Amino acid sequence: AKKLITKEQIAEKIGELGDTTFEL
C-alpha cells in the first residue's frame, strides 16, 4: 500500500452491506 490502511477503515468497508437484510 502507498499509504497506511487501518483495520478500522477495512471494517467500515466490510460493514457497508447496502440494501441487504444483513448488518455487520
PDB file of all heavy atoms in Angstrom:
ATOM      1  N   ALA A   1       0.835  -1.197   0.000  1.00  0.00           N
ATOM      2  CA  ALA A   1       0.000   0.000   0.000  1.00  0.00           C
ATOM      3  C   ALA A   1       0.869   1.246   0.000  1.00  0.00           C
ATOM      4  O   ALA A   1       1.933   1.276   0.629  1.00  0.00           O
ATOM      5  CB  ALA A   1      -0.917  -0.001   1.219  1.00  0.00           C
ATOM      6  N   LYS A   2       0.439   2.278  -0.701  1.00  0.00           N
ATOM      7  CA  LYS A   2       1.213   3.521  -0.754  1.00  0.00           C
ATOM      8  C   LYS A   2       1.000   4.361   0.502  1.00  0.00           C
ATOM      9  O   LYS A   2       1.816   5.215   0.841  1.00  0.00           O
ATOM     10  CB  LYS A   2       0.814   4.321  -1.993  1.00  0.00           C
ATOM     11  CG  LYS A   2       1.221   3.631  -3.295  1.00  0.00           C
ATOM     12  CD  LYS A   2       0.832   4.454  -4.502  1.00  0.00           C
ATOM     13  CE  LYS A   2       1.256   3.755  -5.796  1.00  0.00           C
ATOM     14  NZ  LYS A   2       0.872   4.529  -7.003  1.00  0.00           N
ATOM     15  N   LYS A   3      -0.146   4.137   1.158  1.00  0.00           N
ATOM     16  CA  LYS A   3      -0.384   4.823   2.424  1.00  0.00           C
ATOM     17  C   LYS A   3      -1.047   3.857   3.395  1.00  0.00           C
ATOM     18  O   LYS A   3      -1.626   2.843   2.990  1.00  0.00           O
ATOM     19  CB  LYS A   3      -1.235   6.069   2.228  1.00  0.00           C
ATOM     20  CG  LYS A   3      -2.602   5.831   1.633  1.00  0.00           C
ATOM     21  CD  LYS A   3      -3.354   7.152   1.468  1.00  0.00           C
ATOM     22  CE  LYS A   3      -4.741   6.900   0.880  1.00  0.00           C
ATOM     23  NZ  LYS A   3      -5.504   8.167   0.719  1.00  0.00           N
ATOM     24  N   LEU A   4      -0.974   4.183   4.656  1.00  0.00           N
ATOM     25  CA  LEU A   4      -1.440   3.296   5.728  1.00  0.00           C
ATOM     26  C   LEU A   4      -2.936   3.009   5.590  1.00  0.00           C
ATOM     27  O   LEU A   4      -3.735   3.915   5.373  1.00  0.00           O
ATOM     28  CB  LEU A   4      -1.160   3.932   7.092  1.00  0.00           C
ATOM     29  CG  LEU A   4      -1.624   3.129   8.322  1.00  0.00           C
ATOM     30  CD1 LEU A   4      -0.814   1.834   8.453  1.00  0.00           C
ATOM     31  CD2 LEU A   4      -1.486   3.973   9.593  1.00  0.00           C
ATOM     32  N   ILE A   5      -3.260   1.739   5.670  1.00  0.00           N
ATOM     33  CA  ILE A   5      -4.671   1.316   5.718  1.00  0.00           C
ATOM     34  C   ILE A   5      -4.934   0.724   7.096  1.00  0.00           C
ATOM     35  O   ILE A   5      -4.296  -0.260   7.486  1.00  0.00           O
ATOM     36  CB  ILE A   5      -4.981   0.269   4.623  1.00  0.00           C
ATOM     37  CG1 ILE A   5      -4.680   0.836   3.233  1.00  0.00           C
ATOM     38  CG2 ILE A   5      -6.443  -0.171   4.711  1.00  0.00           C
ATOM     39  CD1 ILE A   5      -4.852  -0.167   2.105  1.00  0.00           C
ATOM     40  N   THR A   6      -5.861   1.324   7.826  1.00  0.00           N
ATOM     41  CA  THR A   6      -6.126   0.853   9.185  1.00  0.00           C
ATOM     42  C   THR A   6      -7.196  -0.231   9.179  1.00  0.00           C
ATOM     43  O   THR A   6      -8.006  -0.338   8.233  1.00  0.00           O
ATOM     44  CB  THR A   6      -6.618   1.999  10.084  1.00  0.00           C
ATOM     45  OG1 THR A   6      -7.896   2.441   9.615  1.00  0.00           O
ATOM     46  CG2 THR A   6      -5.634   3.169  10.067  1.00  0.00           C
ATOM     47  N   LYS A   7      -7.216  -1.021  10.235  1.00  0.00           N
ATOM     48  CA  LYS A   7      -8.254  -2.050  10.375  1.00  0.00           C
ATOM     49  C   LYS A   7      -9.634  -1.407  10.509  1.00  0.00           C
ATOM     50  O   LYS A   7     -10.648  -1.989  10.103  1.00  0.00           O
ATOM     51  CB  LYS A   7      -7.959  -2.941  11.575  1.00  0.00           C
ATOM     52  CG  LYS A   7      -6.775  -3.878  11.349  1.00  0.00           C
ATOM     53  CD  LYS A   7      -6.631  -4.885  12.482  1.00  0.00           C
ATOM     54  CE  LYS A   7      -5.488  -5.871  12.194  1.00  0.00           C
ATOM     55  NZ  LYS A   7      -5.343  -6.876  13.261  1.00  0.00           N
ATOM     56  N   GLU A   8      -9.682  -0.206  11.080  1.00  0.00           N
ATOM     57  CA  GLU A   8     -10.959   0.493  11.213  1.00  0.00           C
ATOM     58  C   GLU A   8     -11.530   0.828   9.831  1.00  0.00           C
ATOM     59  O   GLU A   8     -12.741   0.702   9.595  1.00  0.00           O
ATOM     60  CB  GLU A   8     -10.788   1.776  12.027  1.00  0.00           C
ATOM     61  CG  GLU A   8     -10.555   1.583  13.522  1.00  0.00           C
ATOM     62  CD  GLU A   8      -9.151   1.060  13.827  1.00  0.00           C
ATOM     63  OE1 GLU A   8      -8.244   1.226  12.960  1.00  0.00           O
ATOM     64  OE2 GLU A   8      -8.968   0.492  14.916  1.00  0.00           O
ATOM     65  N   GLN A   9     -10.626   1.245   8.894  1.00  0.00           N
ATOM     66  CA  GLN A   9     -11.071   1.532   7.533  1.00  0.00           C
ATOM     67  C   GLN A   9     -11.584   0.269   6.838  1.00  0.00           C
ATOM     68  O   GLN A   9     -12.593   0.297   6.127  1.00  0.00           O
ATOM     69  CB  GLN A   9      -9.915   2.136   6.724  1.00  0.00           C
ATOM     70  CG  GLN A   9      -9.547   3.552   7.116  1.00  0.00           C
ATOM     71  CD  GLN A   9      -8.310   4.031   6.374  1.00  0.00           C
ATOM     72  OE1 GLN A   9      -7.259   3.383   6.429  1.00  0.00           O
ATOM     73  NE2 GLN A   9      -8.437   5.159   5.669  1.00  0.00           N
ATOM     74  N   ILE A  10     -10.865  -0.830   7.069  1.00  0.00           N
ATOM     75  CA  ILE A  10     -11.272  -2.104   6.461  1.00  0.00           C
ATOM     76  C   ILE A  10     -12.643  -2.535   7.001  1.00  0.00           C
ATOM     77  O   ILE A  10     -13.533  -2.937   6.241  1.00  0.00           O
ATOM     78  CB  ILE A  10     -10.221  -3.193   6.748  1.00  0.00           C
ATOM     79  CG1 ILE A  10      -8.856  -2.787   6.150  1.00  0.00           C
ATOM     80  CG2 ILE A  10     -10.676  -4.534   6.186  1.00  0.00           C
ATOM     81  CD1 ILE A  10      -7.710  -3.677   6.584  1.00  0.00           C
ATOM     82  N   ALA A  11     -12.801  -2.436   8.337  1.00  0.00           N
ATOM     83  CA  ALA A  11     -14.073  -2.832   8.963  1.00  0.00           C
ATOM     84  C   ALA A  11     -15.222  -1.986   8.441  1.00  0.00           C
ATOM     85  O   ALA A  11     -16.334  -2.483   8.211  1.00  0.00           O
ATOM     86  CB  ALA A  11     -13.962  -2.716  10.477  1.00  0.00           C
ATOM     87  N   GLU A  12     -14.960  -0.699   8.228  1.00  0.00           N
ATOM     88  CA  GLU A  12     -16.003   0.194   7.722  1.00  0.00           C
ATOM     89  C   GLU A  12     -16.441  -0.227   6.323  1.00  0.00           C
ATOM     90  O   GLU A  12     -17.641  -0.239   6.014  1.00  0.00           O
ATOM     91  CB  GLU A  12     -15.486   1.624   7.709  1.00  0.00           C
ATOM     92  CG  GLU A  12     -16.536   2.634   7.274  1.00  0.00           C
ATOM     93  CD  GLU A  12     -16.003   4.060   7.276  1.00  0.00           C
ATOM     94  OE1 GLU A  12     -14.913   4.294   7.831  1.00  0.00           O
ATOM     95  OE2 GLU A  12     -16.691   4.933   6.711  1.00  0.00           O
ATOM     96  N   LYS A  13     -15.488  -0.602   5.496  1.00  0.00           N
ATOM     97  CA  LYS A  13     -15.810  -1.023   4.135  1.00  0.00           C
ATOM     98  C   LYS A  13     -16.618  -2.323   4.134  1.00  0.00           C
ATOM     99  O   LYS A  13     -17.573  -2.481   3.376  1.00  0.00           O
ATOM    100  CB  LYS A  13     -14.523  -1.211   3.322  1.00  0.00           C
ATOM    101  CG  LYS A  13     -13.793   0.080   3.001  1.00  0.00           C
ATOM    102  CD  LYS A  13     -14.609   0.959   2.083  1.00  0.00           C
ATOM    103  CE  LYS A  13     -13.863   2.240   1.720  1.00  0.00           C
ATOM    104  NZ  LYS A  13     -14.685   3.135   0.866  1.00  0.00           N
ATOM    105  N   ILE A  14     -16.210  -3.251   4.980  1.00  0.00           N
ATOM    106  CA  ILE A  14     -16.942  -4.526   5.045  1.00  0.00           C
ATOM    107  C   ILE A  14     -18.344  -4.309   5.601  1.00  0.00           C
ATOM    108  O   ILE A  14     -19.311  -4.973   5.210  1.00  0.00           O
ATOM    109  CB  ILE A  14     -16.163  -5.551   5.892  1.00  0.00           C
ATOM    110  CG1 ILE A  14     -14.843  -5.907   5.195  1.00  0.00           C
ATOM    111  CG2 ILE A  14     -16.998  -6.814   6.138  1.00  0.00           C
ATOM    112  CD1 ILE A  14     -13.939  -6.804   6.000  1.00  0.00           C
ATOM    113  N   GLY A  15     -18.472  -3.354   6.515  1.00  0.00           N
ATOM    114  CA  GLY A  15     -19.770  -3.093   7.142  1.00  0.00           C
ATOM    115  C   GLY A  15     -20.765  -2.409   6.238  1.00  0.00           C
ATOM    116  O   GLY A  15     -21.953  -2.310   6.572  1.00  0.00           O
ATOM    117  N   GLU A  16     -20.322  -1.919   5.095  1.00  0.00           N
ATOM    118  CA  GLU A  16     -21.235  -1.269   4.153  1.00  0.00           C
ATOM    119  C   GLU A  16     -21.968  -2.339   3.349  1.00  0.00           C
ATOM    120  O   GLU A  16     -21.584  -2.696   2.234  1.00  0.00           O
ATOM    121  CB  GLU A  16     -20.446  -0.325   3.232  1.00  0.00           C
ATOM    122  CG  GLU A  16     -19.841   0.857   3.971  1.00  0.00           C
ATOM    123  CD  GLU A  16     -18.902   1.669   3.087  1.00  0.00           C
ATOM    124  OE1 GLU A  16     -18.638   1.231   1.937  1.00  0.00           O
ATOM    125  OE2 GLU A  16     -18.417   2.720   3.537  1.00  0.00           O
ATOM    126  N   LEU A  17     -23.055  -2.873   3.966  1.00  0.00           N
ATOM    127  CA  LEU A  17     -23.768  -4.004   3.360  1.00  0.00           C
ATOM    128  C   LEU A  17     -24.943  -3.577   2.498  1.00  0.00           C
ATOM    129  O   LEU A  17     -25.676  -4.414   1.959  1.00  0.00           O
ATOM    130  CB  LEU A  17     -24.229  -4.967   4.457  1.00  0.00           C
ATOM    131  CG  LEU A  17     -23.078  -5.664   5.205  1.00  0.00           C
ATOM    132  CD1 LEU A  17     -23.601  -6.453   6.392  1.00  0.00           C
ATOM    133  CD2 LEU A  17     -22.284  -6.555   4.270  1.00  0.00           C
ATOM    134  N   GLY A  18     -25.113  -2.243   2.385  1.00  0.00           N
ATOM    135  CA  GLY A  18     -26.088  -1.729   1.432  1.00  0.00           C
ATOM    136  C   GLY A  18     -27.507  -2.182   1.702  1.00  0.00           C
ATOM    137  O   GLY A  18     -27.912  -2.400   2.849  1.00  0.00           O
ATOM    138  N   ASP A  19     -28.260  -2.362   0.645  1.00  0.00           N
ATOM    139  CA  ASP A  19     -29.677  -2.709   0.748  1.00  0.00           C
ATOM    140  C   ASP A  19     -29.837  -4.225   0.859  1.00  0.00           C
ATOM    141  O   ASP A  19     -30.371  -4.896  -0.026  1.00  0.00           O
ATOM    142  CB  ASP A  19     -30.423  -2.181  -0.474  1.00  0.00           C
ATOM    143  CG  ASP A  19     -31.929  -2.319  -0.317  1.00  0.00           C
ATOM    144  OD1 ASP A  19     -32.391  -2.416   0.837  1.00  0.00           O
ATOM    145  OD2 ASP A  19     -32.625  -2.344  -1.346  1.00  0.00           O
ATOM    146  N   THR A  20     -29.347  -4.768   1.969  1.00  0.00           N
ATOM    147  CA  THR A  20     -29.473  -6.204   2.232  1.00  0.00           C
ATOM    148  C   THR A  20     -30.197  -6.396   3.553  1.00  0.00           C
ATOM    149  O   THR A  20     -30.544  -5.433   4.239  1.00  0.00           O
ATOM    150  CB  THR A  20     -28.086  -6.877   2.332  1.00  0.00           C
ATOM    151  OG1 THR A  20     -27.458  -6.481   3.569  1.00  0.00           O
ATOM    152  CG2 THR A  20     -27.196  -6.463   1.168  1.00  0.00           C
ATOM    153  N   THR A  21     -30.431  -7.621   3.915  1.00  0.00           N
ATOM    154  CA  THR A  21     -31.091  -7.908   5.195  1.00  0.00           C
ATOM    155  C   THR A  21     -30.074  -8.122   6.314  1.00  0.00           C
ATOM    156  O   THR A  21     -30.445  -8.512   7.414  1.00  0.00           O
ATOM    157  CB  THR A  21     -31.968  -9.169   5.072  1.00  0.00           C
ATOM    158  OG1 THR A  21     -31.127 -10.289   4.759  1.00  0.00           O
ATOM    159  CG2 THR A  21     -33.013  -9.008   3.995  1.00  0.00           C
ATOM    160  N   PHE A  22     -28.789  -7.862   6.018  1.00  0.00           N
ATOM    161  CA  PHE A  22     -27.731  -8.146   6.992  1.00  0.00           C
ATOM    162  C   PHE A  22     -27.094  -6.864   7.519  1.00  0.00           C
ATOM    163  O   PHE A  22     -27.056  -5.833   6.847  1.00  0.00           O
ATOM    164  CB  PHE A  22     -26.636  -9.008   6.347  1.00  0.00           C
ATOM    165  CG  PHE A  22     -27.111 -10.342   5.848  1.00  0.00           C
ATOM    166  CD1 PHE A  22     -26.789 -10.771   4.558  1.00  0.00           C
ATOM    167  CD2 PHE A  22     -27.885 -11.171   6.646  1.00  0.00           C
ATOM    168  CE1 PHE A  22     -27.215 -11.996   4.083  1.00  0.00           C
ATOM    169  CE2 PHE A  22     -28.320 -12.396   6.187  1.00  0.00           C
ATOM    170  CZ  PHE A  22     -27.992 -12.815   4.902  1.00  0.00           C
ATOM    171  N   GLU A  23     -26.588  -6.972   8.736  1.00  0.00           N
ATOM    172  CA  GLU A  23     -25.733  -5.941   9.309  1.00  0.00           C
ATOM    173  C   GLU A  23     -24.518  -6.635   9.913  1.00  0.00           C
ATOM    174  O   GLU A  23     -24.575  -7.805  10.293  1.00  0.00           O
ATOM    175  CB  GLU A  23     -26.469  -5.125  10.371  1.00  0.00           C
ATOM    176  CG  GLU A  23     -26.904  -5.918  11.587  1.00  0.00           C
ATOM    177  CD  GLU A  23     -27.658  -5.078  12.605  1.00  0.00           C
ATOM    178  OE1 GLU A  23     -27.786  -3.862  12.375  1.00  0.00           O
ATOM    179  OE2 GLU A  23     -28.107  -5.642  13.623  1.00  0.00           O
ATOM    180  N   LEU A  24     -23.426  -5.900   9.977  1.00  0.00           N
ATOM    181  CA  LEU A  24     -22.178  -6.488  10.453  1.00  0.00           C
ATOM    182  C   LEU A  24     -22.189  -6.649  11.963  1.00  0.00           C
ATOM    183  O   LEU A  24     -22.507  -5.714  12.706  1.00  0.00           O
ATOM    184  CB  LEU A  24     -20.990  -5.615  10.037  1.00  0.00           C
ATOM    185  CG  LEU A  24     -19.595  -6.181  10.318  1.00  0.00           C
ATOM    186  CD1 LEU A  24     -19.379  -7.484   9.553  1.00  0.00           C
ATOM    187  CD2 LEU A  24     -18.518  -5.154   9.946  1.00  0.00           C
TER     188      LEU A  24
END
